[in-house]
C-alpha atoms as a PDB file:
ATOM      1  CA  MET A   1      30.385 -40.660  13.110  1.00  0.00           C
ATOM      2  CA  ALA A   2      27.139 -38.750  13.696  1.00  0.00           C
ATOM      3  CA  GLY A   3      29.158 -35.653  14.600  1.00  0.00           C
ATOM      4  CA  GLY A   4      31.034 -35.956  11.310  1.00  0.00           C
ATOM      5  CA  VAL A   5      27.808 -35.982   9.296  1.00  0.00           C
ATOM      6  CA  ALA A   6      26.426 -33.063  11.266  1.00  0.00           C
ATOM      7  CA  GLY A   7      29.662 -31.159  10.761  1.00  0.00           C
ATOM      8  CA  GLU A   8      29.531 -31.753   7.019  1.00  0.00           C
ATOM      9  CA  VAL A   9      25.928 -30.500   6.950  1.00  0.00           C
ATOM     10  CA  PHE A  10      26.944 -27.293   8.741  1.00  0.00           C
ATOM     11  CA  VAL A  11      29.933 -26.783   6.448  1.00  0.00           C
ATOM     12  CA  GLU A  12      27.721 -27.256   3.378  1.00  0.00           C
ATOM     13  CA  ALA A  13      25.063 -24.921   4.841  1.00  0.00           C
ATOM     14  CA  GLY A  14      27.762 -22.296   5.380  1.00  0.00           C
ATOM     15  CA  ARG A  15      28.969 -22.625   1.774  1.00  0.00           C
ATOM     16  CA  THR A  16      25.408 -22.301   0.510  1.00  0.00           C
ATOM     17  CA  ALA A  17      24.756 -19.259   2.698  1.00  0.00           C
ATOM     18  CA  ARG A  18      27.945 -17.584   1.436  1.00  0.00           C
ATOM     19  CA  ALA A  19      27.006 -18.329  -2.177  1.00  0.00           C
ATOM     20  CA  VAL A  20      23.487 -16.946  -1.694  1.00  0.00           C
ATOM     21  CA  GLY A  21      24.845 -13.922   0.176  1.00  0.00           C
ATOM     22  CA  GLY A  22      27.363 -13.268  -2.587  1.00  0.00           C
ATOM     23  CA  THR A  23      24.676 -13.479  -5.250  1.00  0.00           C
ATOM     24  CA  LEU A  24      22.416 -11.119  -3.296  1.00  0.00           C
ATOM     25  CA  TRP A  25      25.305  -8.691  -2.783  1.00  0.00           C
ATOM     26  CA  ARG A  26      26.166  -8.694  -6.503  1.00  0.00           C
ATOM     27  CA  ARG A  27      22.541  -8.149  -7.443  1.00  0.00           C
ATOM     28  CA  LEU A  28      21.752  -5.642  -4.667  1.00  0.00           C
ATOM     29  CA  PRO A  29      21.370  -2.609  -6.986  1.00  0.00           C
ATOM     30  CA  THR A  30      18.953  -4.583  -9.178  1.00  0.00           C
ATOM     31  CA  ILE A  31      17.020  -5.799  -6.130  1.00  0.00           C
ATOM     32  CA  LEU A  32      16.746  -2.257  -4.746  1.00  0.00           C
ATOM     33  CA  THR A  33      15.569  -0.908  -8.097  1.00  0.00           C
ATOM     34  CA  GLY A  34      13.083  -3.786  -8.283  1.00  0.00           C
ATOM     35  CA  LEU A  35      11.655  -2.790  -4.907  1.00  0.00           C
ATOM     36  CA  ALA A  36      11.138   0.777  -6.167  1.00  0.00           C
ATOM     37  CA  VAL A  37       9.453  -0.568  -9.316  1.00  0.00           C
ATOM     38  CA  LEU A  38       7.252  -2.832  -7.161  1.00  0.00           C
ATOM     39  CA  ALA A  39       6.200   0.087  -4.944  1.00  0.00           C
ATOM     40  CA  THR A  40       5.365   2.102  -8.072  1.00  0.00           C
ATOM     41  CA  PHE A  41       3.371  -0.768  -9.587  1.00  0.00           C
ATOM     42  CA  LEU A  42       1.385  -1.370  -6.395  1.00  0.00           C
ATOM     43  CA  SER A  43       0.645   2.350  -6.105  1.00  0.00           C
ATOM     44  CA  VAL A  44      -0.612   2.521  -9.691  1.00  0.00           C
ATOM     45  CA  VAL A  45      -2.772  -0.579  -9.168  1.00  0.00           C
ATOM     46  CA  GLY A  46      -4.169   0.906  -5.937  1.00  0.00           C
ATOM     47  CA  PHE A  47      -4.949   4.201  -7.666  1.00  0.00           C
ATOM     48  CA  LEU A  48      -6.644   2.435 -10.596  1.00  0.00           C
ATOM     49  CA  GLY A  49      -8.695   0.380  -8.133  1.00  0.00           C
ATOM     50  CA  ALA A  50      -9.811   3.573  -6.404  1.00  0.00           C
ATOM     51  CA  VAL A  51     -10.764   5.069  -9.777  1.00  0.00           C
ATOM     52  CA  ALA A  52     -12.798   1.926 -10.592  1.00  0.00           C
ATOM     53  CA  ASP A  53     -14.608   2.228  -7.235  1.00  0.00           C
ATOM     54  CA  ASP A  54     -15.303   5.913  -7.944  1.00  0.00           C
ATOM     55  CA  VAL A  55     -16.763   5.011 -11.344  1.00  0.00           C
ATOM     56  CA  ALA A  56     -19.048   2.412  -9.720  1.00  0.00           C
ATOM     57  CA  ILE A  57     -20.215   4.908  -7.097  1.00  0.00           C
ATOM     58  CA  THR A  58     -20.770   7.667  -9.672  1.00  0.00           C
ATOM     59  CA  ARG A  59     -22.699   5.336 -11.984  1.00  0.00           C
ATOM     60  CA  ASN A  60     -25.297   4.440  -9.329  1.00  0.00           C
ATOM     61  CA  ARG A  61     -24.831   7.155  -6.698  1.00  0.00           C
ATOM     62  CA  ALA A  62     -26.851   7.684  -3.566  1.00  0.00           C
ATOM     63  CA  THR A  63     -26.029  10.042  -0.704  1.00  0.00           C
ATOM     64  CA  ALA A  64     -26.512   9.871   3.037  1.00  0.00           C
ATOM     65  CA  THR A  65     -25.357  11.566   6.202  1.00  0.00           C
ATOM     66  CA  ALA A  66     -22.956   9.265   8.044  1.00  0.00           C
ATOM     67  CA  GLU A  67     -21.623   9.270  11.578  1.00  0.00           C
ATOM     68  CA  VAL A  68     -17.881   8.697  11.949  1.00  0.00           C
ATOM     69  CA  LEU A  69     -17.393   5.858  14.448  1.00  0.00           C
ATOM     70  CA  GLU A  70     -14.773   5.040  17.062  1.00  0.00           C
ATOM     71  CA  GLY A  71     -12.397   2.225  16.169  1.00  0.00           C
ATOM     72  CA  SER A  72     -11.077   3.822  13.031  1.00  0.00           C
ATOM     73  CA  THR A  73      -7.450   3.205  12.060  1.00  0.00           C
ATOM     74  CA  PHE A  74      -4.940   4.700   9.616  1.00  0.00           C
ATOM     75  CA  SER A  75      -6.087   2.339   6.867  1.00  0.00           C
ATOM     76  CA  ARG A  76      -9.843   2.697   7.339  1.00  0.00           C
ATOM     77  CA  THR A  77     -12.374   5.033   8.870  1.00  0.00           C
ATOM     78  CA  LEU A  78     -15.617   3.435  10.014  1.00  0.00           C
ATOM     79  CA  VAL A  79     -18.903   5.205   9.351  1.00  0.00           C
ATOM     80  CA  ARG A  80     -22.562   4.372   9.911  1.00  0.00           C
ATOM     81  CA  PHE A  81     -25.301   5.636   7.612  1.00  0.00           C
ATOM     82  CA  PRO A  82     -28.915   4.796   6.773  1.00  0.00           C
ATOM     83  CA  VAL A  83     -29.882   3.251   3.425  1.00  0.00           C
ATOM     84  CA  PRO A  84     -33.326   3.828   1.875  1.00  0.00           C
ATOM     85  CA  ASP A  85     -34.887   0.721   3.479  1.00  0.00           C
ATOM     86  CA  GLY A  86     -34.122   2.211   6.917  1.00  0.00           C
ATOM     87  CA  GLN A  87     -31.293  -0.179   7.734  1.00  0.00           C
ATOM     88  CA  LEU A  88     -28.123   1.310   9.280  1.00  0.00           C
ATOM     89  CA  LEU A  89     -25.063   0.219   7.386  1.00  0.00           C
ATOM     90  CA  VAL A  90     -21.445   0.084   8.624  1.00  0.00           C
ATOM     91  CA  PRO A  91     -19.241  -0.868   5.653  1.00  0.00           C
ATOM     92  CA  GLU A  92     -16.559  -3.299   6.783  1.00  0.00           C
ATOM     93  CA  ARG A  93     -13.759  -1.601   4.809  1.00  0.00           C
ATOM     94  CA  GLY A  94     -14.821   1.837   5.957  1.00  0.00           C
ATOM     95  CA  VAL A  95     -15.110   4.984   3.881  1.00  0.00           C
ATOM     96  CA  TYR A  96     -12.772   5.836   0.991  1.00  0.00           C
ATOM     97  CA  HIS A  97     -10.746   9.066   1.108  1.00  0.00           C
ATOM     98  CA  PRO A  98     -11.275   9.604   4.875  1.00  0.00           C
ATOM     99  CA  ARG A  99      -8.596  12.246   5.464  1.00  0.00           C
ATOM    100  CA  GLY A 100      -9.385  14.431   8.478  1.00  0.00           C
ATOM    101  CA  LEU A 101     -12.490  12.675   9.807  1.00  0.00           C
ATOM    102  CA  GLN A 102     -12.957  12.588  13.589  1.00  0.00           C
ATOM    103  CA  PRO A 103     -15.069  10.059  15.544  1.00  0.00           C
ATOM    104  CA  GLY A 104     -18.439  11.458  16.578  1.00  0.00           C
ATOM    105  CA  THR A 105     -18.727  13.896  13.683  1.00  0.00           C
ATOM    106  CA  THR A 106     -21.091  13.586  10.751  1.00  0.00           C
ATOM    107  CA  VAL A 107     -20.154  13.715   7.103  1.00  0.00           C
ATOM    108  CA  LEU A 108     -22.009  13.484   3.808  1.00  0.00           C
ATOM    109  CA  VAL A 109     -21.150  10.255   1.978  1.00  0.00           C
ATOM    110  CA  GLU A 110     -21.813   8.907  -1.497  1.00  0.00           C
ATOM    111  CA  TYR A 111     -22.302   5.194  -2.046  1.00  0.00           C
ATOM    112  CA  ASP A 112     -23.172   2.718  -4.772  1.00  0.00           C
ATOM    113  CA  ARG A 113     -26.877   1.785  -4.502  1.00  0.00           C
ATOM    114  CA  ALA A 114     -26.091  -1.706  -5.832  1.00  0.00           C
ATOM    115  CA  ASP A 115     -23.203  -2.213  -3.375  1.00  0.00           C
ATOM    116  CA  PRO A 116     -23.512   0.130  -0.367  1.00  0.00           C
ATOM    117  CA  ASP A 117     -20.152  -1.125   0.953  1.00  0.00           C
ATOM    118  CA  LEU A 118     -18.583   1.078  -1.745  1.00  0.00           C
ATOM    119  CA  VAL A 119     -18.772   4.399   0.077  1.00  0.00           C
ATOM    120  CA  ARG A 120     -16.698   7.565  -0.083  1.00  0.00           C
ATOM    121  CA  VAL A 121     -16.811  10.995   1.484  1.00  0.00           C
ATOM    122  CA  ALA A 122     -18.932  13.208  -0.776  1.00  0.00           C
ATOM    123  CA  GLY A 123     -16.858  15.397  -3.041  1.00  0.00           C
ATOM    124  CA  ARG A 124     -13.708  13.317  -2.647  1.00  0.00           C
ATOM    125  CA  THR A 125     -12.404  10.990  -5.348  1.00  0.00           C
ATOM    126  CA  ALA A 126      -9.373   8.854  -6.066  1.00  0.00           C
ATOM    127  CA  PHE A 127      -7.666  12.024  -7.254  1.00  0.00           C
ATOM    128  CA  SER A 128      -7.948  13.378  -3.691  1.00  0.00           C
ATOM    129  CA  GLY A 129      -5.400  10.761  -2.647  1.00  0.00           C
ATOM    130  CA  LEU A 130      -3.117  11.260  -5.629  1.00  0.00           C
ATOM    131  CA  PRO A 131      -0.655  13.612  -3.861  1.00  0.00           C
ATOM    132  CA  LEU A 132      -0.145  11.007  -1.119  1.00  0.00           C
ATOM    133  CA  THR A 133       0.321   8.260  -3.713  1.00  0.00           C
ATOM    134  CA  ILE A 134       2.834  10.337  -5.653  1.00  0.00           C
ATOM    135  CA  GLY A 135       4.645  11.140  -2.409  1.00  0.00           C
ATOM    136  CA  PHE A 136       4.852   7.441  -1.530  1.00  0.00           C
ATOM    137  CA  VAL A 137       6.269   6.594  -4.967  1.00  0.00           C
ATOM    138  CA  ALA A 138       8.769   9.468  -4.741  1.00  0.00           C
ATOM    139  CA  LEU A 139       9.858   8.280  -1.298  1.00  0.00           C
ATOM    140  CA  ALA A 140      10.260   4.693  -2.544  1.00  0.00           C
ATOM    141  CA  TRP A 141      12.447   5.872  -5.417  1.00  0.00           C
ATOM    142  CA  ALA A 142      14.430   8.196  -3.163  1.00  0.00           C
ATOM    143  CA  VAL A 143      15.148   5.404  -0.682  1.00  0.00           C
ATOM    144  CA  PHE A 144      15.516   2.327  -2.908  1.00  0.00           C
ATOM    145  CA  GLY A 145      16.743   4.103  -6.028  1.00  0.00           C
ATOM    146  CA  GLY A 146      19.131   6.238  -4.005  1.00  0.00           C
ATOM    147  CA  ALA A 147      20.496   3.173  -2.243  1.00  0.00           C
ATOM    148  CA  ALA A 148      20.959   1.385  -5.599  1.00  0.00           C
ATOM    149  CA  VAL A 149      22.907   4.364  -6.990  1.00  0.00           C
ATOM    150  CA  LEU A 150      25.010   4.560  -3.829  1.00  0.00           C
ATOM    151  CA  VAL A 151      25.890   0.849  -3.982  1.00  0.00           C
ATOM    152  CA  ARG A 152      26.818   1.129  -7.673  1.00  0.00           C
ATOM    153  CA  ARG A 153      29.009   4.188  -7.060  1.00  0.00           C
ATOM    154  CA  ARG A 154      30.824   2.537  -4.148  1.00  0.00           C
ATOM    155  CA  ARG A 155      31.478  -0.537  -6.281  1.00  0.00           C
ATOM    156  CA  GLN A 156      32.786   1.577  -9.159  1.00  0.00           C
ATOM    157  CA  ALA A 157      35.040   3.514  -6.776  1.00  0.00           C
ATOM    158  CA  ALA A 158      36.354   0.280  -5.244  1.00  0.00           C
ATOM    159  CA  HIS A 159      36.911  -1.166  -8.716  1.00  0.00           C
ATOM    160  CA  HIS A 160      38.976   1.835  -9.834  1.00  0.00           C
ATOM    161  CA  GLU A 161      41.252   1.755  -6.779  1.00  0.00           C
END
């Protein structure tokens, strides 16, 4: 009897999986387009956040010479710089707009006096990263949007046969 109940559970799970799979397959173009829209939205929000950080730094700007540290990754570049009270600061999130920095080198940075963790390479702004952001959005639309168009075309072709 226990095997019968277990068998019924597996049969019902299979039906549910097929129903969910069918729904996902029917909605695949919409899902793919939604992923492209999501990537665009997140990119815009990230860019606007970078602009807000730039405004904060510009409003209360201080400059310092920073040393680029080991342990940097693709998403952050660690730097160490002195603040006016003589303390050496290593912002946890690293420096904004770090493109091309090598460990052991020095670079001029700008930071917010009120929040020295907001630090960027001097002369670089959110607009410095705009080509990369636009490239990411274009790639997202090329991949997800292209896949959505391809799925729609294949369905239309199959429907007309």
